[in-house]
């Protein structure tokens, strides 16, 4: 099921009206639809050059304490903004919440002056799914399997700088009994 752009814009307008905002922006670069990676995804509607801002990751500005409480409640849509505040993107008026993780992303999240932008790491063709690395740490990483399907996929949603640690944990010895970080075991 494709999510209607008009429904997202309707939610965005309603939020802006409640917040008293007068400048409503829509995101012509992104269409939300079924993804081969996971559930819904964001797809480019046109060619996007490397370095271009694709979409702003919108959300509710919350304290670190509130962020911790929401994370404990399984909210995976939170970005750290600064030492005091985080951004909870689990809101109806944030179409960027549908962007999926990839171990080989074509964009990245950049925090600038209290805003989170999804920015193209390379040229992105029209119709291509827009992905970024969610940057999770190793705490409970096994609870977050990756489904990006890339040849270089490490199997879990973790930050790129942690890939080597995951790969080392998954290496099987040439002979004998092995146990992977995922809990699988066997004999070679």
Protein backbone atom coordinates (compact mmCIF):
# COMPACT_ATOMS: atom_id res chain seq x y z
CA UNK A 1 0.00 0.00 0.00
CA UNK A 2 1.44 3.34 -1.01
CA UNK A 3 1.06 6.19 1.45
CA UNK A 4 -0.62 9.16 -0.11
CA UNK A 5 1.50 12.28 -0.42
CA UNK A 6 -1.65 14.32 0.17
CA UNK A 7 -2.17 12.55 3.53
CA UNK A 8 1.39 13.41 4.62
CA UNK A 9 0.95 17.02 3.49
CA UNK A 10 -2.42 17.15 5.27
CA UNK A 11 -0.73 15.94 8.51
CA UNK A 12 2.12 18.43 8.00
CA UNK A 13 -0.29 21.33 7.46
CA UNK A 14 -2.35 20.37 10.52
CA UNK A 15 0.82 20.23 12.65
CA UNK A 16 2.05 23.58 11.31
CA UNK A 17 -1.30 25.20 12.03
CA UNK A 18 -1.24 23.88 15.62
CA UNK A 19 2.32 25.19 15.99
CA UNK A 20 1.43 28.55 14.43
CA UNK A 21 3.84 28.08 11.51
CA UNK A 22 3.17 30.00 8.34
CA UNK A 23 5.83 28.49 6.07
CA UNK A 24 4.67 25.02 5.00
CA UNK A 25 7.19 22.97 3.02
CA UNK A 26 6.46 19.86 1.05
CA UNK A 27 9.13 17.46 -0.15
CA UNK A 28 8.97 17.01 -3.91
CA UNK A 29 12.07 14.74 -3.95
CA UNK A 30 10.43 11.84 -2.11
CA UNK A 31 7.53 9.45 -2.73
CA UNK A 32 6.54 6.95 -0.02
CA UNK A 33 5.71 3.44 -1.20
CA UNK A 34 6.26 -0.29 -0.66
CA UNK A 35 9.90 -1.21 -0.14
CA UNK A 36 11.80 -4.40 -0.92
CA UNK A 37 13.90 -3.66 2.18
CA UNK A 38 11.22 -3.25 4.85
CA UNK A 39 7.58 -2.11 4.88
CA UNK A 40 7.33 1.35 3.38
CA UNK A 41 10.28 3.29 1.97
CA UNK A 42 11.10 6.65 0.48
CA UNK A 43 11.87 6.81 -3.24
CA UNK A 44 13.37 9.66 -5.24
CA UNK A 45 10.91 11.29 -7.62
CA UNK A 46 13.70 12.78 -9.71
CA UNK A 47 17.47 12.82 -10.12
CA UNK A 48 19.15 14.04 -6.92
CA UNK A 49 22.80 15.16 -7.18
CA UNK A 50 25.47 14.21 -4.62
CA UNK A 51 25.47 16.67 -1.70
CA UNK A 52 21.86 17.81 -2.17
CA UNK A 53 19.49 18.01 0.77
CA UNK A 54 16.78 15.47 0.04
CA UNK A 55 14.36 15.91 2.93
CA UNK A 56 14.29 17.23 6.47
CA UNK A 57 13.77 14.66 9.23
CA UNK A 58 11.00 16.34 11.22
CA UNK A 59 9.82 15.60 14.73
CA UNK A 60 9.20 16.64 18.28
CA UNK A 61 12.09 18.24 20.17
CA UNK A 62 12.43 16.36 23.49
CA UNK A 63 14.80 16.29 26.46
CA UNK A 64 17.39 13.54 26.88
CA UNK A 65 15.39 12.11 29.79
CA UNK A 66 12.23 11.93 27.68
CA UNK A 67 14.27 10.45 24.84
CA UNK A 68 15.52 7.66 27.11
CA UNK A 69 11.97 6.94 28.26
CA UNK A 70 10.73 6.72 24.65
CA UNK A 71 13.67 4.55 23.58
CA UNK A 72 12.88 2.14 26.41
CA UNK A 73 9.39 2.00 24.88
CA UNK A 74 10.88 0.75 21.58
CA UNK A 75 10.80 4.08 19.72
CA UNK A 76 13.52 3.80 17.03
CA UNK A 77 12.88 7.20 15.38
CA UNK A 78 14.99 9.40 17.70
CA UNK A 79 17.99 11.48 16.61
CA UNK A 80 20.41 13.16 19.00
CA UNK A 81 20.48 16.92 18.38
CA UNK A 82 22.84 18.25 21.03
CA UNK A 83 23.81 17.75 24.69
CA UNK A 84 20.31 18.70 25.92
CA UNK A 85 17.81 17.69 23.26
CA UNK A 86 16.87 14.93 20.84
CA UNK A 87 14.39 14.82 17.96
CA UNK A 88 11.60 12.23 17.98
CA UNK A 89 10.63 11.62 14.34
CA UNK A 90 7.82 9.18 15.18
CA UNK A 91 5.15 11.68 14.16
CA UNK A 92 2.59 11.57 11.34
CA UNK A 93 3.94 14.76 9.76
CA UNK A 94 7.46 13.31 9.23
CA UNK A 95 7.62 11.52 5.85
CA UNK A 96 11.37 10.91 6.37
CA UNK A 97 10.49 8.34 9.06
CA UNK A 98 9.79 5.91 6.21
CA UNK A 99 13.39 5.98 4.91
CA UNK A 100 15.03 2.60 5.42
CA UNK A 101 18.48 1.63 6.70
CA UNK A 102 21.13 0.26 4.40
CA UNK A 103 24.68 -0.94 5.07
CA UNK A 104 25.54 0.75 1.74
CA UNK A 105 23.40 3.90 1.91
CA UNK A 106 22.98 6.52 -0.78
CA UNK A 107 22.39 9.31 1.74
CA UNK A 108 23.27 10.31 5.28
CA UNK A 109 21.66 12.18 8.14
CA UNK A 110 23.34 15.47 9.01
CA UNK A 111 22.46 17.60 12.02
CA UNK A 112 22.79 21.34 11.35
CA UNK A 113 21.65 24.02 13.77
CA UNK A 114 19.02 21.85 15.46
CA UNK A 115 17.67 20.34 12.24
CA UNK A 116 18.30 16.89 10.79
CA UNK A 117 18.69 16.71 7.01
CA UNK A 118 18.95 13.67 4.79
CA UNK A 119 21.70 14.50 2.29
CA UNK A 120 22.74 12.55 -0.83
CA UNK A 121 26.12 10.78 -0.49
CA UNK A 122 26.15 10.14 -4.24
CA UNK A 123 23.96 10.87 -7.24
CA UNK A 124 20.56 9.21 -6.80
CA UNK A 125 18.48 8.26 -9.83
CA UNK A 126 14.72 8.85 -10.09
CA UNK A 127 12.83 5.88 -8.63
CA UNK A 128 15.75 4.70 -6.47
CA UNK A 129 15.01 3.96 -2.81
CA UNK A 130 16.58 6.55 -0.52
CA UNK A 131 18.46 4.92 2.37
CA UNK A 132 20.79 5.95 5.15
CA UNK A 133 22.70 4.16 7.89
CA UNK A 134 20.71 4.46 11.12
CA UNK A 135 23.97 4.45 13.09
CA UNK A 136 22.87 2.18 15.95
CA UNK A 137 25.45 1.16 18.54
CA UNK A 138 26.28 -2.39 19.65
CA UNK A 139 23.90 -2.43 22.61
CA UNK A 140 21.36 -5.15 21.80
CA UNK A 141 22.40 -5.01 18.13
CA UNK A 142 21.20 -8.58 17.58
CA UNK A 143 17.64 -7.31 18.10
CA UNK A 144 17.99 -5.19 14.94
CA UNK A 145 18.66 -7.46 11.95
CA UNK A 146 19.34 -5.68 8.68
CA UNK A 147 17.36 -6.50 5.56
CA UNK A 148 19.05 -4.13 3.12
CA UNK A 149 20.10 -6.97 0.81
CA UNK A 150 23.41 -5.35 -0.13
CA UNK A 151 26.39 -7.61 -0.87
CA UNK A 152 28.30 -5.76 1.89
CA UNK A 153 25.48 -6.11 4.46
CA UNK A 154 26.78 -6.99 7.94
CA UNK A 155 23.45 -8.49 8.98
CA UNK A 156 22.56 -5.92 11.63
CA UNK A 157 21.60 -2.25 11.76
CA UNK A 158 24.74 -0.69 13.22
CA UNK A 159 26.92 2.33 12.48
CA UNK A 160 29.50 1.82 9.75
CA UNK A 161 32.40 2.29 12.17
CA UNK A 162 31.16 -0.85 14.00
CA UNK A 163 30.99 -3.10 10.92
CA UNK A 164 34.41 -4.66 11.58
CA UNK A 165 33.39 -5.63 15.13
CA UNK A 166 30.25 -7.35 13.83
CA UNK A 167 32.17 -9.14 11.08
CA UNK A 168 34.79 -10.39 13.55
CA UNK A 169 32.03 -11.73 15.83
CA UNK A 170 30.51 -13.62 12.89
CA UNK A 171 33.70 -15.33 11.64
CA UNK A 172 33.62 -19.13 11.83
CA UNK A 173 36.83 -21.04 12.52
CA UNK A 174 38.01 -23.41 9.78
CA UNK A 175 37.40 -26.48 11.91
CA UNK A 176 35.79 -27.34 15.21
CA UNK A 177 32.71 -25.96 16.92
CA UNK A 178 31.67 -22.38 16.34
CA UNK A 179 29.14 -20.03 17.88
CA UNK A 180 28.17 -16.81 16.11
CA UNK A 181 27.25 -13.55 17.73
CA UNK A 182 23.69 -14.26 16.55
CA UNK A 183 23.56 -17.38 18.75
CA UNK A 184 23.75 -19.88 15.93
CA UNK A 185 26.16 -22.78 16.38
CA UNK A 186 27.49 -25.72 14.47
CA UNK A 187 30.40 -27.96 13.66
CA UNK A 188 32.69 -27.47 10.67
